[in-house]
C-alpha atoms as a PDB file:
ATOM      1  CA  MET A   1      17.933  -6.319 -16.159  1.00  0.00           C
ATOM      2  CA  GLY A   2      21.846  -6.275 -15.886  1.00  0.00           C
ATOM      3  CA  ASP A   3      21.748  -3.946 -12.868  1.00  0.00           C
ATOM      4  CA  THR A   4      19.072  -6.083 -11.245  1.00  0.00           C
ATOM      5  CA  ALA A   5      21.131  -9.230 -11.667  1.00  0.00           C
ATOM      6  CA  ALA A   6      24.270  -7.626 -10.273  1.00  0.00           C
ATOM      7  CA  VAL A   7      22.625  -6.163  -7.341  1.00  0.00           C
ATOM      8  CA  ALA A   8      20.686  -9.410  -6.546  1.00  0.00           C
ATOM      9  CA  LEU A   9      23.803 -11.599  -7.028  1.00  0.00           C
ATOM     10  CA  ALA A  10      25.871  -9.443  -4.734  1.00  0.00           C
ATOM     11  CA  THR A  11      23.326  -8.956  -2.088  1.00  0.00           C
ATOM     12  CA  LEU A  12      22.415 -12.614  -1.902  1.00  0.00           C
ATOM     13  CA  PHE A  13      25.944 -13.854  -1.989  1.00  0.00           C
ATOM     14  CA  ALA A  14      26.968 -11.599   0.842  1.00  0.00           C
ATOM     15  CA  THR A  15      23.946 -12.467   2.959  1.00  0.00           C
ATOM     16  CA  VAL A  16      24.041 -16.378   2.481  1.00  0.00           C
ATOM     17  CA  SER A  17      27.982 -16.239   2.530  1.00  0.00           C
ATOM     18  CA  PRO A  18      28.565 -19.717   1.074  1.00  0.00           C
ATOM     19  CA  ILE A  19      32.171 -19.802   2.178  1.00  0.00           C
ATOM     20  CA  ASP A  20      31.358 -19.139   5.851  1.00  0.00           C
ATOM     21  CA  VAL A  21      28.424 -21.604   5.719  1.00  0.00           C
ATOM     22  CA  SER A  22      30.797 -24.286   4.413  1.00  0.00           C
ATOM     23  CA  ALA A  23      33.252 -23.617   7.166  1.00  0.00           C
ATOM     24  CA  ILE A  24      30.580 -24.067   9.858  1.00  0.00           C
ATOM     25  CA  PHE A  25      29.183 -27.037   8.060  1.00  0.00           C
ATOM     26  CA  ALA A  26      32.671 -28.719   8.044  1.00  0.00           C
ATOM     27  CA  ALA A  27      32.981 -28.188  11.758  1.00  0.00           C
ATOM     28  CA  ILE A  28      29.615 -29.606  12.814  1.00  0.00           C
ATOM     29  CA  THR A  29      29.938 -32.680  10.496  1.00  0.00           C
ATOM     30  CA  VAL A  30      33.482 -33.544  11.366  1.00  0.00           C
ATOM     31  CA  ASN A  31      32.427 -37.149  12.493  1.00  0.00           C
ATOM     32  CA  ALA A  32      30.085 -37.679   9.618  1.00  0.00           C
ATOM     33  CA  SER A  33      30.872 -39.891   6.594  1.00  0.00           C
ATOM     34  CA  GLN A  34      31.419 -38.441   3.185  1.00  0.00           C
ATOM     35  CA  PRO A  35      28.179 -39.836   1.845  1.00  0.00           C
ATOM     36  CA  ALA A  36      26.184 -38.582   4.840  1.00  0.00           C
ATOM     37  CA  ARG A  37      27.833 -35.120   4.325  1.00  0.00           C
ATOM     38  CA  ARG A  38      26.741 -35.124   0.704  1.00  0.00           C
ATOM     39  CA  ARG A  39      23.091 -36.096   1.663  1.00  0.00           C
ATOM     40  CA  MET A  40      22.969 -33.259   4.256  1.00  0.00           C
ATOM     41  CA  ALA A  41      24.379 -30.638   2.013  1.00  0.00           C
ATOM     42  CA  ILE A  42      21.976 -31.438  -0.852  1.00  0.00           C
ATOM     43  CA  ARG A  43      19.015 -31.629   1.404  1.00  0.00           C
ATOM     44  CA  GLY A  44      19.909 -28.505   3.379  1.00  0.00           C
ATOM     45  CA  VAL A  45      20.287 -26.401   0.202  1.00  0.00           C
ATOM     46  CA  ALA A  46      17.048 -27.738  -1.175  1.00  0.00           C
ATOM     47  CA  ILE A  47      15.139 -26.924   1.950  1.00  0.00           C
ATOM     48  CA  ALA A  48      16.646 -23.341   2.094  1.00  0.00           C
ATOM     49  CA  THR A  49      15.905 -22.785  -1.571  1.00  0.00           C
ATOM     50  CA  ILE A  50      12.183 -23.729  -0.988  1.00  0.00           C
ATOM     51  CA  VAL A  51      11.902 -21.450   2.067  1.00  0.00           C
ATOM     52  CA  LEU A  52      13.547 -18.478   0.226  1.00  0.00           C
ATOM     53  CA  GLY A  53      11.481 -19.069  -2.782  1.00  0.00           C
ATOM     54  CA  LEU A  54       8.229 -18.924  -0.724  1.00  0.00           C
ATOM     55  CA  PHE A  55       9.463 -15.678   0.878  1.00  0.00           C
ATOM     56  CA  ALA A  56      10.151 -14.251  -2.538  1.00  0.00           C
ATOM     57  CA  ILE A  57       6.664 -15.163  -3.791  1.00  0.00           C
ATOM     58  CA  ILE A  58       4.584 -14.077  -0.674  1.00  0.00           C
ATOM     59  CA  GLY A  59       6.761 -11.123   0.079  1.00  0.00           C
ATOM     60  CA  ASP A  60       4.639  -8.553  -1.748  1.00  0.00           C
ATOM     61  CA  TRP A  61       1.441  -9.943  -0.196  1.00  0.00           C
ATOM     62  CA  LEU A  62       3.054  -9.848   3.244  1.00  0.00           C
ATOM     63  CA  LEU A  63       3.980  -6.205   2.834  1.00  0.00           C
ATOM     64  CA  HIS A  64       0.366  -5.277   1.882  1.00  0.00           C
ATOM     65  CA  ALA A  65      -1.076  -7.477   4.661  1.00  0.00           C
ATOM     66  CA  LEU A  66       1.086  -5.614   7.292  1.00  0.00           C
ATOM     67  CA  GLY A  67       0.643  -2.238   5.866  1.00  0.00           C
ATOM     68  CA  ILE A  68       4.297  -1.711   5.160  1.00  0.00           C
ATOM     69  CA  SER A  69       5.268   0.759   2.371  1.00  0.00           C
ATOM     70  CA  LEU A  70       8.118  -0.002  -0.058  1.00  0.00           C
ATOM     71  CA  ALA A  71       9.923   3.063   1.263  1.00  0.00           C
ATOM     72  CA  ALA A  72       9.840   1.663   4.848  1.00  0.00           C
ATOM     73  CA  LEU A  73      11.002  -1.728   3.661  1.00  0.00           C
ATOM     74  CA  ARG A  74      13.912  -0.281   1.680  1.00  0.00           C
ATOM     75  CA  THR A  75      15.109   1.874   4.657  1.00  0.00           C
ATOM     76  CA  ALA A  76      14.568  -0.963   7.252  1.00  0.00           C
ATOM     77  CA  GLY A  77      16.160  -3.573   4.998  1.00  0.00           C
ATOM     78  CA  GLY A  78      19.098  -1.182   4.245  1.00  0.00           C
ATOM     79  CA  ILE A  79      19.842  -0.674   7.924  1.00  0.00           C
ATOM     80  CA  MET A  80      19.710  -4.393   8.632  1.00  0.00           C
ATOM     81  CA  LEU A  81      22.062  -5.188   5.603  1.00  0.00           C
ATOM     82  CA  LEU A  82      24.334  -2.404   6.613  1.00  0.00           C
ATOM     83  CA  LEU A  83      24.823  -3.936  10.202  1.00  0.00           C
ATOM     84  CA  MET A  84      25.494  -7.283   8.574  1.00  0.00           C
ATOM     85  CA  GLY A  85      27.935  -5.719   6.237  1.00  0.00           C
ATOM     86  CA  ILE A  86      29.815  -4.015   9.060  1.00  0.00           C
ATOM     87  CA  ASP A  87      30.085  -7.363  10.951  1.00  0.00           C
ATOM     88  CA  MET A  88      31.530  -8.942   7.860  1.00  0.00           C
ATOM     89  CA  VAL A  89      34.096  -6.122   7.347  1.00  0.00           C
ATOM     90  CA  PHE A  90      35.303  -6.541  10.917  1.00  0.00           C
ATOM     91  CA  ALA A  91      35.179 -10.347  10.707  1.00  0.00           C
ATOM     92  CA  ARG A  92      32.515 -10.573  13.347  1.00  0.00           C
ATOM     93  CA  SER A  93      29.716 -13.272  13.566  1.00  0.00           C
ATOM     94  CA  SER A  94      26.449 -11.715  12.507  1.00  0.00           C
ATOM     95  CA  ALA A  95      23.372 -12.783  14.553  1.00  0.00           C
ATOM     96  CA  ALA A  96      21.098 -12.397  11.613  1.00  0.00           C
ATOM     97  CA  ASN A  97      22.547 -15.387   9.773  1.00  0.00           C
ATOM     98  CA  SER A  98      24.505 -17.404  12.513  1.00  0.00           C
ATOM     99  CA  PRO A  99      23.381 -19.804  15.074  1.00  0.00           C
ATOM    100  CA  THR A 100      23.784 -18.945  18.719  1.00  0.00           C
ATOM    101  CA  ALA A 101      26.273 -20.812  21.074  1.00  0.00           C
ATOM    102  CA  GLU A 102      23.366 -22.880  22.406  1.00  0.00           C
ATOM    103  CA  GLU A 103      22.184 -23.783  18.913  1.00  0.00           C
ATOM    104  CA  GLU A 104      25.741 -24.684  17.845  1.00  0.00           C
ATOM    105  CA  GLU A 105      26.093 -27.042  20.883  1.00  0.00           C
ATOM    106  CA  GLU A 106      22.834 -28.676  20.009  1.00  0.00           C
ATOM    107  CA  ALA A 107      23.804 -29.063  16.387  1.00  0.00           C
ATOM    108  CA  MET A 108      27.049 -30.829  17.325  1.00  0.00           C
ATOM    109  CA  GLY A 109      25.072 -33.556  18.937  1.00  0.00           C
ATOM    110  CA  LYS A 110      22.905 -34.259  15.993  1.00  0.00           C
ATOM    111  CA  ARG A 111      23.515 -36.726  13.184  1.00  0.00           C
ATOM    112  CA  ASP A 112      21.556 -34.855  10.608  1.00  0.00           C
ATOM    113  CA  VAL A 113      22.131 -31.087  10.515  1.00  0.00           C
ATOM    114  CA  SER A 114      20.423 -30.462   7.080  1.00  0.00           C
ATOM    115  CA  VAL A 115      17.350 -28.769   8.512  1.00  0.00           C
ATOM    116  CA  PHE A 116      18.859 -27.201  11.564  1.00  0.00           C
ATOM    117  CA  PRO A 117      21.149 -25.278  11.598  1.00  0.00           C
ATOM    118  CA  LEU A 118      22.157 -25.772   7.891  1.00  0.00           C
ATOM    119  CA  ALA A 119      19.077 -24.728   6.041  1.00  0.00           C
ATOM    120  CA  LEU A 120      17.797 -22.536   8.896  1.00  0.00           C
ATOM    121  CA  PRO A 121      19.417 -20.268   9.957  1.00  0.00           C
ATOM    122  CA  LEU A 122      22.748 -20.714   8.179  1.00  0.00           C
ATOM    123  CA  ILE A 123      21.508 -20.523   4.601  1.00  0.00           C
ATOM    124  CA  ALA A 124      17.963 -19.113   4.867  1.00  0.00           C
ATOM    125  CA  GLY A 125      18.599 -16.809   7.617  1.00  0.00           C
ATOM    126  CA  PRO A 126      16.553 -13.674   8.499  1.00  0.00           C
ATOM    127  CA  GLY A 127      19.017 -11.388   6.794  1.00  0.00           C
ATOM    128  CA  THR A 128      18.754 -13.359   3.580  1.00  0.00           C
ATOM    129  CA  MET A 129      14.970 -13.536   3.849  1.00  0.00           C
ATOM    130  CA  GLY A 130      14.552  -9.814   4.380  1.00  0.00           C
ATOM    131  CA  ALA A 131      17.080  -9.078   1.510  1.00  0.00           C
ATOM    132  CA  LEU A 132      15.105 -11.335  -0.879  1.00  0.00           C
ATOM    133  CA  ILE A 133      11.792  -9.629  -0.022  1.00  0.00           C
ATOM    134  CA  LEU A 134      13.387  -6.241  -0.584  1.00  0.00           C
ATOM    135  CA  LEU A 135      14.889  -7.271  -3.911  1.00  0.00           C
ATOM    136  CA  MET A 136      11.536  -8.611  -5.188  1.00  0.00           C
ATOM    137  CA  ALA A 137       9.805  -5.491  -3.891  1.00  0.00           C
ATOM    138  CA  GLN A 138      12.202  -3.305  -6.040  1.00  0.00           C
ATOM    139  CA  THR A 139      11.161  -5.172  -9.086  1.00  0.00           C
ATOM    140  CA  LYS A 140       7.690  -3.394  -8.936  1.00  0.00           C
ATOM    141  CA  GLY A 141       5.959  -6.358 -10.551  1.00  0.00           C
ATOM    142  CA  HIS A 142       8.183  -6.659 -13.627  1.00  0.00           C
ATOM    143  CA  LEU A 143       8.153 -10.333 -14.451  1.00  0.00           C
ATOM    144  CA  LEU A 144      11.543 -10.250 -16.204  1.00  0.00           C
ATOM    145  CA  GLU A 145      13.167  -8.641 -13.199  1.00  0.00           C
ATOM    146  CA  GLN A 146      11.484 -11.028 -10.880  1.00  0.00           C
ATOM    147  CA  PHE A 147      12.745 -13.859 -12.903  1.00  0.00           C
ATOM    148  CA  THR A 148      16.287 -12.317 -12.754  1.00  0.00           C
ATOM    149  CA  VAL A 149      16.083 -12.262  -8.975  1.00  0.00           C
ATOM    150  CA  PHE A 150      15.009 -15.939  -8.852  1.00  0.00           C
ATOM    151  CA  ALA A 151      17.822 -16.888 -11.304  1.00  0.00           C
ATOM    152  CA  MET A 152      20.364 -15.165  -9.129  1.00  0.00           C
ATOM    153  CA  LEU A 153      18.957 -16.940  -5.987  1.00  0.00           C
ATOM    154  CA  GLY A 154      19.405 -20.172  -7.957  1.00  0.00           C
ATOM    155  CA  VAL A 155      23.050 -19.242  -8.718  1.00  0.00           C
ATOM    156  CA  VAL A 156      23.798 -18.447  -5.114  1.00  0.00           C
ATOM    157  CA  MET A 157      22.200 -21.763  -3.833  1.00  0.00           C
ATOM    158  CA  LEU A 158      24.276 -23.719  -6.548  1.00  0.00           C
ATOM    159  CA  LEU A 159      27.502 -21.910  -5.385  1.00  0.00           C
ATOM    160  CA  THR A 160      26.420 -22.811  -1.661  1.00  0.00           C
ATOM    161  CA  LEU A 161      25.939 -26.393  -2.622  1.00  0.00           C
ATOM    162  CA  VAL A 162      29.323 -26.641  -4.355  1.00  0.00           C
ATOM    163  CA  SER A 163      30.946 -24.953  -1.265  1.00  0.00           C
ATOM    164  CA  LEU A 164      29.250 -27.445   1.058  1.00  0.00           C
ATOM    165  CA  LEU A 165      30.236 -30.498  -1.098  1.00  0.00           C
ATOM    166  CA  ALA A 166      33.834 -29.287  -1.060  1.00  0.00           C
ATOM    167  CA  ALA A 167      33.791 -27.743   2.508  1.00  0.00           C
ATOM    168  CA  THR A 168      36.836 -29.513   3.841  1.00  0.00           C
ATOM    169  CA  GLN A 169      38.977 -28.920   0.744  1.00  0.00           C
ATOM    170  CA  LEU A 170      37.841 -25.325   0.362  1.00  0.00           C
ATOM    171  CA  ASN A 171      38.716 -24.520   4.081  1.00  0.00           C
ATOM    172  CA  ARG A 172      42.136 -26.125   3.697  1.00  0.00           C
ATOM    173  CA  LEU A 173      42.802 -24.306   0.367  1.00  0.00           C
ATOM    174  CA  LEU A 174      41.725 -20.717   1.515  1.00  0.00           C
ATOM    175  CA  GLY A 175      42.785 -20.917   5.088  1.00  0.00           C
ATOM    176  CA  VAL A 176      41.539 -18.553   7.702  1.00  0.00           C
ATOM    177  CA  THR A 177      43.102 -15.464   6.055  1.00  0.00           C
ATOM    178  CA  GLY A 178      41.794 -16.223   2.605  1.00  0.00           C
ATOM    179  CA  MET A 179      38.130 -16.648   3.943  1.00  0.00           C
ATOM    180  CA  GLN A 180      38.464 -13.414   5.882  1.00  0.00           C
ATOM    181  CA  VAL A 181      39.628 -11.458   2.858  1.00  0.00           C
ATOM    182  CA  ILE A 182      36.691 -12.693   0.762  1.00  0.00           C
ATOM    183  CA  THR A 183      34.300 -12.002   3.701  1.00  0.00           C
ATOM    184  CA  ARG A 184      35.577  -8.500   4.118  1.00  0.00           C
ATOM    185  CA  VAL A 185      35.396  -7.636   0.462  1.00  0.00           C
ATOM    186  CA  MET A 186      31.873  -8.804   0.164  1.00  0.00           C
ATOM    187  CA  GLY A 187      31.114  -6.890   3.414  1.00  0.00           C
ATOM    188  CA  VAL A 188      32.316  -3.602   1.883  1.00  0.00           C
ATOM    189  CA  LEU A 189      30.013  -4.246  -1.279  1.00  0.00           C
ATOM    190  CA  LEU A 190      27.138  -5.112   1.109  1.00  0.00           C
ATOM    191  CA  CYS A 191      27.556  -1.898   3.108  1.00  0.00           C
ATOM    192  CA  ALA A 192      27.523   0.170  -0.096  1.00  0.00           C
ATOM    193  CA  LEU A 193      24.335  -1.599  -1.335  1.00  0.00           C
ATOM    194  CA  ALA A 194      22.622  -1.100   2.084  1.00  0.00           C
ATOM    195  CA  VAL A 195      23.394   2.648   2.234  1.00  0.00           C
ATOM    196  CA  GLN A 196      21.872   2.888  -1.322  1.00  0.00           C
ATOM    197  CA  PHE A 197      18.843   1.069  -0.193  1.00  0.00           C
ATOM    198  CA  VAL A 198      18.443   3.677   2.775  1.00  0.00           C
ATOM    199  CA  PHE A 199      18.991   6.565   0.478  1.00  0.00           C
ATOM    200  CA  ASP A 200      16.278   5.251  -1.978  1.00  0.00           C
ATOM    201  CA  GLY A 201      13.933   4.505   0.848  1.00  0.00           C
ATOM    202  CA  ILE A 202      14.201   7.959   2.367  1.00  0.00           C
ATOM    203  CA  ALA A 203      13.869   9.629  -1.050  1.00  0.00           C
ATOM    204  CA  GLU A 204      10.715   7.596  -1.839  1.00  0.00           C
ATOM    205  CA  SER A 205       9.166   8.264   1.499  1.00  0.00           C
ATOM    206  CA  GLY A 206       8.879  12.109   0.762  1.00  0.00           C
ATOM    207  CA  LEU A 207      10.087  12.903   4.249  1.00  0.00           C
ATOM    208  CA  LEU A 208      12.881  15.075   3.031  1.00  0.00           C
ATOM    209  CA  PRO A 209      12.750  17.552  -0.050  1.00  0.00           C
ATOM    210  CA  VAL A 210      14.531  16.539  -3.062  1.00  0.00           C
ATOM    211  CA  LEU A 211      17.464  18.674  -3.741  1.00  0.00           C
ATOM    212  CA  GLU A 212      18.030  19.577  -7.381  1.00  0.00           C
ATOM    213  CA  PRO A 213      21.654  19.385  -8.582  1.00  0.00           C
ATOM    214  CA  ARG A 214      23.246  22.806  -9.284  1.00  0.00           C
END
């Protein structure tokens, strides 16, 4: 259970990236009052949590309905997370969890950004949804491990809410350099986890013979 918690926490924290989300949130709500920011932050995190929770619950059914094997999901999910991790290491914006330039421009003109782009796609982006389905699939139906994944999702959402509520102060404290250091460290960890997912998927698929250690 400890391994499940560690993997889930590291994966979800890296894909959600609360610090990056708080930086974007601060930028697009620069003209909003403090109470309005607080309301948008709470609402955005609540909506994202519901969306991600639904994906976690229906993930297994969705795999069976589409005829996707766990091995295929592990391999594909690992590749997607690897690409996100590489973007994080090189401090590049990842398309899986970042709004496009057109979406950012539209968001700047909105008074309430809690649903878009905060909840979707900044917090509950495609990368996080895919990672969550992958984590739930790896529990293989064990209720305790599934509860652990949900608990880690709750921890990450709580950290995200705290980051959003303190967005301006956090950005001023860490600065650009501090935020990039944290992003790069989490990117390296995400790359390692992603490669392990790919290895596990290929091994489980039976496409390659299992080599016994000498």
